[in-house]
Amino acid sequence: MNNAAEMEQFGVVWPQCVARAWEDVQFREALKRDPAGTLLKDYQFPVPQEVQLQVVEAGEAVEAQGANTLRLVIPPVPDVDMREIALVGPKDGKKEARFTFTVTAC
């Protein structure tokens, strides 16, 4: 994800994935097993070949990752009100901030 357009698209796709993973166990397992393939198949989001994705659930034990690996964490399910906020999409063609996440280096 090298450019602003890719990052912006990811900022829309990832919250949708998280919200879906909270509700759909099969999707969550597919996302963890094959993140890039699942993002492409279900959200038409192509992950650059040079980026390796690792999806884990909050609290899972994880090992060190390589320099080109982006670890994405599915947070615990929040209360119902937060799930509804995470599922809200763009209105009137305008993009909305729906989800805040922090990326930290490991």
N, C-alpha and C. Protein backbone atom coordinates (compact mmCIF):
# COMPACT_ATOMS: atom_id res chain seq x y z
N MET A 1 0.85 -1.16 0.00
CA MET A 1 0.00 0.00 0.00
C MET A 1 0.89 1.23 0.00
N ASN A 2 1.21 1.62 -1.20
CA ASN A 2 2.22 2.66 -1.37
C ASN A 2 1.66 4.05 -1.59
N ASN A 3 0.42 4.16 -2.00
CA ASN A 3 -0.05 5.50 -2.30
C ASN A 3 -1.29 5.85 -1.49
N ALA A 4 -1.65 7.12 -1.54
CA ALA A 4 -2.77 7.61 -0.73
C ALA A 4 -4.09 6.97 -1.11
N ALA A 5 -4.30 6.70 -2.39
CA ALA A 5 -5.56 6.09 -2.83
C ALA A 5 -5.72 4.68 -2.26
N GLU A 6 -4.63 3.91 -2.27
CA GLU A 6 -4.68 2.56 -1.70
C GLU A 6 -4.94 2.61 -0.20
N MET A 7 -4.29 3.52 0.50
CA MET A 7 -4.50 3.65 1.94
C MET A 7 -5.92 4.09 2.24
N GLU A 8 -6.45 4.99 1.44
CA GLU A 8 -7.82 5.45 1.64
C GLU A 8 -8.81 4.31 1.42
N GLN A 9 -8.59 3.52 0.37
CA GLN A 9 -9.46 2.38 0.10
C GLN A 9 -9.36 1.36 1.24
N PHE A 10 -8.15 1.12 1.71
CA PHE A 10 -7.97 0.18 2.82
C PHE A 10 -8.68 0.68 4.08
N GLY A 11 -8.67 1.99 4.28
CA GLY A 11 -9.36 2.58 5.42
C GLY A 11 -10.87 2.38 5.38
N VAL A 12 -11.40 2.11 4.21
CA VAL A 12 -12.82 1.79 4.06
C VAL A 12 -13.04 0.29 4.19
N VAL A 13 -12.17 -0.51 3.57
CA VAL A 13 -12.33 -1.96 3.51
C VAL A 13 -12.08 -2.63 4.87
N TRP A 14 -11.01 -2.26 5.55
CA TRP A 14 -10.66 -2.97 6.79
C TRP A 14 -11.74 -2.89 7.86
N PRO A 15 -12.33 -1.74 8.14
CA PRO A 15 -13.42 -1.71 9.13
C PRO A 15 -14.59 -2.60 8.75
N GLN A 16 -14.88 -2.69 7.46
CA GLN A 16 -15.95 -3.58 7.01
C GLN A 16 -15.58 -5.03 7.28
N CYS A 17 -14.31 -5.37 7.05
CA CYS A 17 -13.84 -6.74 7.33
C CYS A 17 -13.95 -7.06 8.82
N VAL A 18 -13.56 -6.12 9.65
CA VAL A 18 -13.63 -6.34 11.10
C VAL A 18 -15.07 -6.57 11.53
N ALA A 19 -15.96 -5.70 11.08
CA ALA A 19 -17.37 -5.82 11.46
C ALA A 19 -17.94 -7.15 10.98
N ARG A 20 -17.58 -7.56 9.79
CA ARG A 20 -18.06 -8.85 9.26
C ARG A 20 -17.46 -10.01 10.04
N ALA A 21 -16.19 -9.91 10.39
CA ALA A 21 -15.51 -10.97 11.16
C ALA A 21 -16.16 -11.15 12.53
N TRP A 22 -16.67 -10.09 13.11
CA TRP A 22 -17.36 -10.19 14.40
C TRP A 22 -18.60 -11.06 14.28
N GLU A 23 -19.26 -11.02 13.14
CA GLU A 23 -20.54 -11.70 12.94
C GLU A 23 -20.42 -13.04 12.24
N ASP A 24 -19.37 -13.25 11.45
CA ASP A 24 -19.29 -14.42 10.57
C ASP A 24 -17.99 -15.19 10.84
N VAL A 25 -18.12 -16.30 11.55
CA VAL A 25 -16.95 -17.10 11.94
C VAL A 25 -16.20 -17.63 10.72
N GLN A 26 -16.92 -18.08 9.71
CA GLN A 26 -16.26 -18.61 8.50
C GLN A 26 -15.46 -17.52 7.80
N PHE A 27 -16.01 -16.32 7.71
CA PHE A 27 -15.27 -15.22 7.10
C PHE A 27 -14.03 -14.90 7.92
N ARG A 28 -14.18 -14.84 9.25
CA ARG A 28 -13.04 -14.53 10.13
C ARG A 28 -11.92 -15.55 9.93
N GLU A 29 -12.25 -16.83 9.86
CA GLU A 29 -11.24 -17.86 9.66
C GLU A 29 -10.58 -17.74 8.29
N ALA A 30 -11.38 -17.43 7.25
CA ALA A 30 -10.82 -17.24 5.91
C ALA A 30 -9.88 -16.04 5.89
N LEU A 31 -10.26 -14.98 6.57
CA LEU A 31 -9.44 -13.77 6.64
C LEU A 31 -8.11 -14.06 7.33
N LYS A 32 -8.15 -14.86 8.39
CA LYS A 32 -6.92 -15.21 9.10
C LYS A 32 -6.06 -16.17 8.28
N ARG A 33 -6.68 -17.09 7.57
CA ARG A 33 -5.95 -18.10 6.80
C ARG A 33 -5.32 -17.51 5.53
N ASP A 34 -6.07 -16.66 4.82
CA ASP A 34 -5.60 -16.09 3.55
C ASP A 34 -6.08 -14.65 3.43
N PRO A 35 -5.41 -13.73 4.16
CA PRO A 35 -5.88 -12.35 4.17
C PRO A 35 -5.95 -11.71 2.78
N ALA A 36 -4.89 -11.83 2.00
CA ALA A 36 -4.86 -11.17 0.69
C ALA A 36 -5.93 -11.75 -0.23
N GLY A 37 -6.06 -13.07 -0.25
CA GLY A 37 -7.06 -13.71 -1.10
C GLY A 37 -8.47 -13.35 -0.70
N THR A 38 -8.72 -13.26 0.61
CA THR A 38 -10.05 -12.93 1.09
C THR A 38 -10.39 -11.47 0.79
N LEU A 39 -9.44 -10.57 0.96
CA LEU A 39 -9.68 -9.16 0.64
C LEU A 39 -9.98 -8.98 -0.85
N LEU A 40 -9.26 -9.72 -1.69
CA LEU A 40 -9.49 -9.62 -3.13
C LEU A 40 -10.85 -10.21 -3.51
N LYS A 41 -11.13 -11.40 -3.01
CA LYS A 41 -12.37 -12.10 -3.36
C LYS A 41 -13.61 -11.35 -2.87
N ASP A 42 -13.62 -10.95 -1.61
CA ASP A 42 -14.82 -10.38 -1.02
C ASP A 42 -14.95 -8.87 -1.12
N TYR A 43 -13.83 -8.17 -1.30
CA TYR A 43 -13.87 -6.69 -1.33
C TYR A 43 -13.17 -6.08 -2.54
N GLN A 44 -12.70 -6.92 -3.45
CA GLN A 44 -12.01 -6.45 -4.66
C GLN A 44 -10.86 -5.52 -4.31
N PHE A 45 -10.19 -5.81 -3.18
CA PHE A 45 -9.05 -5.01 -2.75
C PHE A 45 -7.77 -5.81 -2.99
N PRO A 46 -6.97 -5.41 -3.98
CA PRO A 46 -5.72 -6.12 -4.25
C PRO A 46 -4.60 -5.67 -3.31
N VAL A 47 -4.01 -6.62 -2.63
CA VAL A 47 -2.87 -6.33 -1.75
C VAL A 47 -1.61 -6.41 -2.61
N PRO A 48 -0.76 -5.39 -2.56
CA PRO A 48 0.48 -5.43 -3.35
C PRO A 48 1.29 -6.69 -3.03
N GLN A 49 1.90 -7.28 -4.06
CA GLN A 49 2.65 -8.53 -3.89
C GLN A 49 3.77 -8.41 -2.87
N GLU A 50 4.35 -7.24 -2.75
CA GLU A 50 5.47 -7.09 -1.82
C GLU A 50 5.04 -6.99 -0.36
N VAL A 51 3.74 -6.92 -0.10
CA VAL A 51 3.23 -6.82 1.26
C VAL A 51 2.62 -8.15 1.67
N GLN A 52 3.07 -8.65 2.79
CA GLN A 52 2.49 -9.86 3.38
C GLN A 52 1.56 -9.44 4.50
N LEU A 53 0.35 -9.96 4.51
CA LEU A 53 -0.60 -9.65 5.57
C LEU A 53 -0.69 -10.81 6.54
N GLN A 54 -0.84 -10.47 7.79
CA GLN A 54 -1.10 -11.45 8.84
C GLN A 54 -2.27 -10.90 9.64
N VAL A 55 -3.35 -11.69 9.75
CA VAL A 55 -4.51 -11.27 10.52
C VAL A 55 -4.62 -12.15 11.75
N VAL A 56 -4.72 -11.51 12.90
CA VAL A 56 -4.84 -12.22 14.18
C VAL A 56 -5.98 -11.58 14.97
N GLU A 57 -6.44 -12.31 15.96
CA GLU A 57 -7.45 -11.76 16.86
C GLU A 57 -6.73 -11.19 18.07
N ALA A 58 -7.32 -10.18 18.65
CA ALA A 58 -6.74 -9.56 19.85
C ALA A 58 -6.49 -10.63 20.89
N GLY A 59 -5.31 -10.59 21.47
CA GLY A 59 -4.96 -11.54 22.53
C GLY A 59 -4.31 -12.81 22.05
N GLU A 60 -4.28 -13.06 20.74
CA GLU A 60 -3.62 -14.25 20.22
C GLU A 60 -2.10 -14.11 20.36
N ALA A 61 -1.47 -15.22 20.68
CA ALA A 61 -0.01 -15.22 20.72
C ALA A 61 0.50 -15.14 19.28
N VAL A 62 1.45 -14.26 19.05
CA VAL A 62 2.00 -14.10 17.71
C VAL A 62 3.52 -14.12 17.77
N GLU A 63 4.10 -14.54 16.66
CA GLU A 63 5.56 -14.57 16.55
C GLU A 63 6.03 -13.31 15.83
N ALA A 64 7.33 -13.10 15.84
CA ALA A 64 7.91 -11.95 15.13
C ALA A 64 7.53 -12.03 13.66
N GLN A 65 7.41 -10.87 13.04
CA GLN A 65 7.04 -10.82 11.63
C GLN A 65 8.17 -10.21 10.82
N GLY A 66 8.14 -10.49 9.51
CA GLY A 66 9.16 -9.96 8.62
C GLY A 66 8.95 -8.49 8.35
N ALA A 67 9.93 -7.89 7.71
CA ALA A 67 9.92 -6.46 7.44
C ALA A 67 8.76 -6.04 6.54
N ASN A 68 8.33 -6.90 5.63
CA ASN A 68 7.25 -6.55 4.71
C ASN A 68 5.90 -7.11 5.15
N THR A 69 5.78 -7.48 6.40
CA THR A 69 4.53 -8.05 6.91
C THR A 69 3.76 -7.00 7.68
N LEU A 70 2.49 -6.88 7.33
CA LEU A 70 1.58 -5.99 8.03
C LEU A 70 0.64 -6.86 8.85
N ARG A 71 0.71 -6.72 10.17
CA ARG A 71 -0.16 -7.50 11.06
C ARG A 71 -1.41 -6.68 11.36
N LEU A 72 -2.55 -7.27 11.05
CA LEU A 72 -3.84 -6.63 11.30
C LEU A 72 -4.53 -7.39 12.42
N VAL A 73 -5.04 -6.66 13.38
CA VAL A 73 -5.66 -7.28 14.56
C VAL A 73 -7.17 -7.06 14.51
N ILE A 74 -7.91 -8.17 14.64
CA ILE A 74 -9.35 -8.08 14.79
C ILE A 74 -9.61 -7.84 16.26
N PRO A 75 -10.10 -6.65 16.62
CA PRO A 75 -10.31 -6.34 18.04
C PRO A 75 -11.50 -7.12 18.60
N PRO A 76 -11.61 -7.15 19.93
CA PRO A 76 -12.78 -7.81 20.53
C PRO A 76 -14.06 -7.11 20.08
N VAL A 77 -15.14 -7.87 20.09
CA VAL A 77 -16.44 -7.31 19.70
C VAL A 77 -16.85 -6.24 20.71
N PRO A 78 -17.13 -5.01 20.22
CA PRO A 78 -17.58 -3.96 21.13
C PRO A 78 -19.08 -4.09 21.40
N ASP A 79 -19.62 -3.15 22.15
CA ASP A 79 -21.06 -3.17 22.38
C ASP A 79 -21.80 -2.94 21.06
N VAL A 80 -23.08 -3.17 21.04
CA VAL A 80 -23.89 -3.10 19.82
C VAL A 80 -23.78 -1.75 19.13
N ASP A 81 -23.78 -0.66 19.89
CA ASP A 81 -23.72 0.66 19.28
C ASP A 81 -22.47 0.82 18.43
N MET A 82 -21.32 0.32 18.89
CA MET A 82 -20.08 0.44 18.12
C MET A 82 -20.14 -0.41 16.86
N ARG A 83 -20.77 -1.59 16.91
CA ARG A 83 -20.89 -2.41 15.72
C ARG A 83 -21.70 -1.67 14.66
N GLU A 84 -22.76 -1.00 15.07
CA GLU A 84 -23.57 -0.27 14.11
C GLU A 84 -22.77 0.86 13.48
N ILE A 85 -21.97 1.54 14.25
CA ILE A 85 -21.13 2.62 13.70
C ILE A 85 -20.13 2.05 12.70
N ALA A 86 -19.50 0.91 13.01
CA ALA A 86 -18.51 0.32 12.12
C ALA A 86 -19.12 -0.09 10.79
N LEU A 87 -20.41 -0.39 10.75
CA LEU A 87 -21.05 -0.84 9.53
C LEU A 87 -21.60 0.29 8.67
N VAL A 88 -21.59 1.53 9.16
CA VAL A 88 -22.12 2.66 8.40
C VAL A 88 -21.23 2.91 7.19
N GLY A 89 -21.83 3.12 6.04
CA GLY A 89 -21.07 3.36 4.81
C GLY A 89 -21.14 4.82 4.41
N PRO A 90 -20.50 5.16 3.27
CA PRO A 90 -20.53 6.53 2.78
C PRO A 90 -21.96 6.96 2.45
N LYS A 91 -22.25 8.22 2.68
CA LYS A 91 -23.56 8.77 2.35
C LYS A 91 -23.40 9.86 1.30
N ASP A 92 -24.29 9.90 0.36
CA ASP A 92 -24.31 10.93 -0.67
C ASP A 92 -22.97 11.03 -1.39
N GLY A 93 -22.27 9.90 -1.55
CA GLY A 93 -21.01 9.89 -2.27
C GLY A 93 -19.84 10.47 -1.50
N LYS A 94 -20.06 10.89 -0.25
CA LYS A 94 -19.00 11.47 0.56
C LYS A 94 -18.42 10.42 1.48
N LYS A 95 -17.13 10.42 1.63
CA LYS A 95 -16.48 9.48 2.52
C LYS A 95 -16.61 9.98 3.95
N GLU A 96 -16.82 9.03 4.87
CA GLU A 96 -16.94 9.38 6.28
C GLU A 96 -15.90 8.62 7.08
N ALA A 97 -15.43 9.23 8.13
CA ALA A 97 -14.57 8.52 9.07
C ALA A 97 -15.48 7.64 9.91
N ARG A 98 -15.25 6.33 9.88
CA ARG A 98 -16.12 5.41 10.59
C ARG A 98 -15.38 4.60 11.63
N PHE A 99 -14.08 4.59 11.57
CA PHE A 99 -13.34 3.66 12.39
C PHE A 99 -11.95 4.23 12.58
N THR A 100 -11.43 4.14 13.75
CA THR A 100 -10.08 4.62 14.03
C THR A 100 -9.22 3.44 14.41
N PHE A 101 -8.04 3.34 13.82
CA PHE A 101 -7.13 2.28 14.21
C PHE A 101 -5.71 2.83 14.23
N THR A 102 -4.86 2.19 14.98
CA THR A 102 -3.49 2.62 15.15
C THR A 102 -2.56 1.53 14.64
N VAL A 103 -1.57 1.91 13.86
CA VAL A 103 -0.57 0.97 13.37
C VAL A 103 0.70 1.19 14.20
N THR A 104 1.21 0.12 14.78
CA THR A 104 2.45 0.20 15.55
C THR A 104 3.46 -0.79 15.00
N ALA A 105 4.69 -0.45 15.05
CA ALA A 105 5.75 -1.34 14.59
C ALA A 105 6.09 -2.32 15.72
N CYS A 106 6.34 -3.55 15.33
CA CYS A 106 6.69 -4.59 16.31
C CYS A 106 8.17 -4.92 16.21
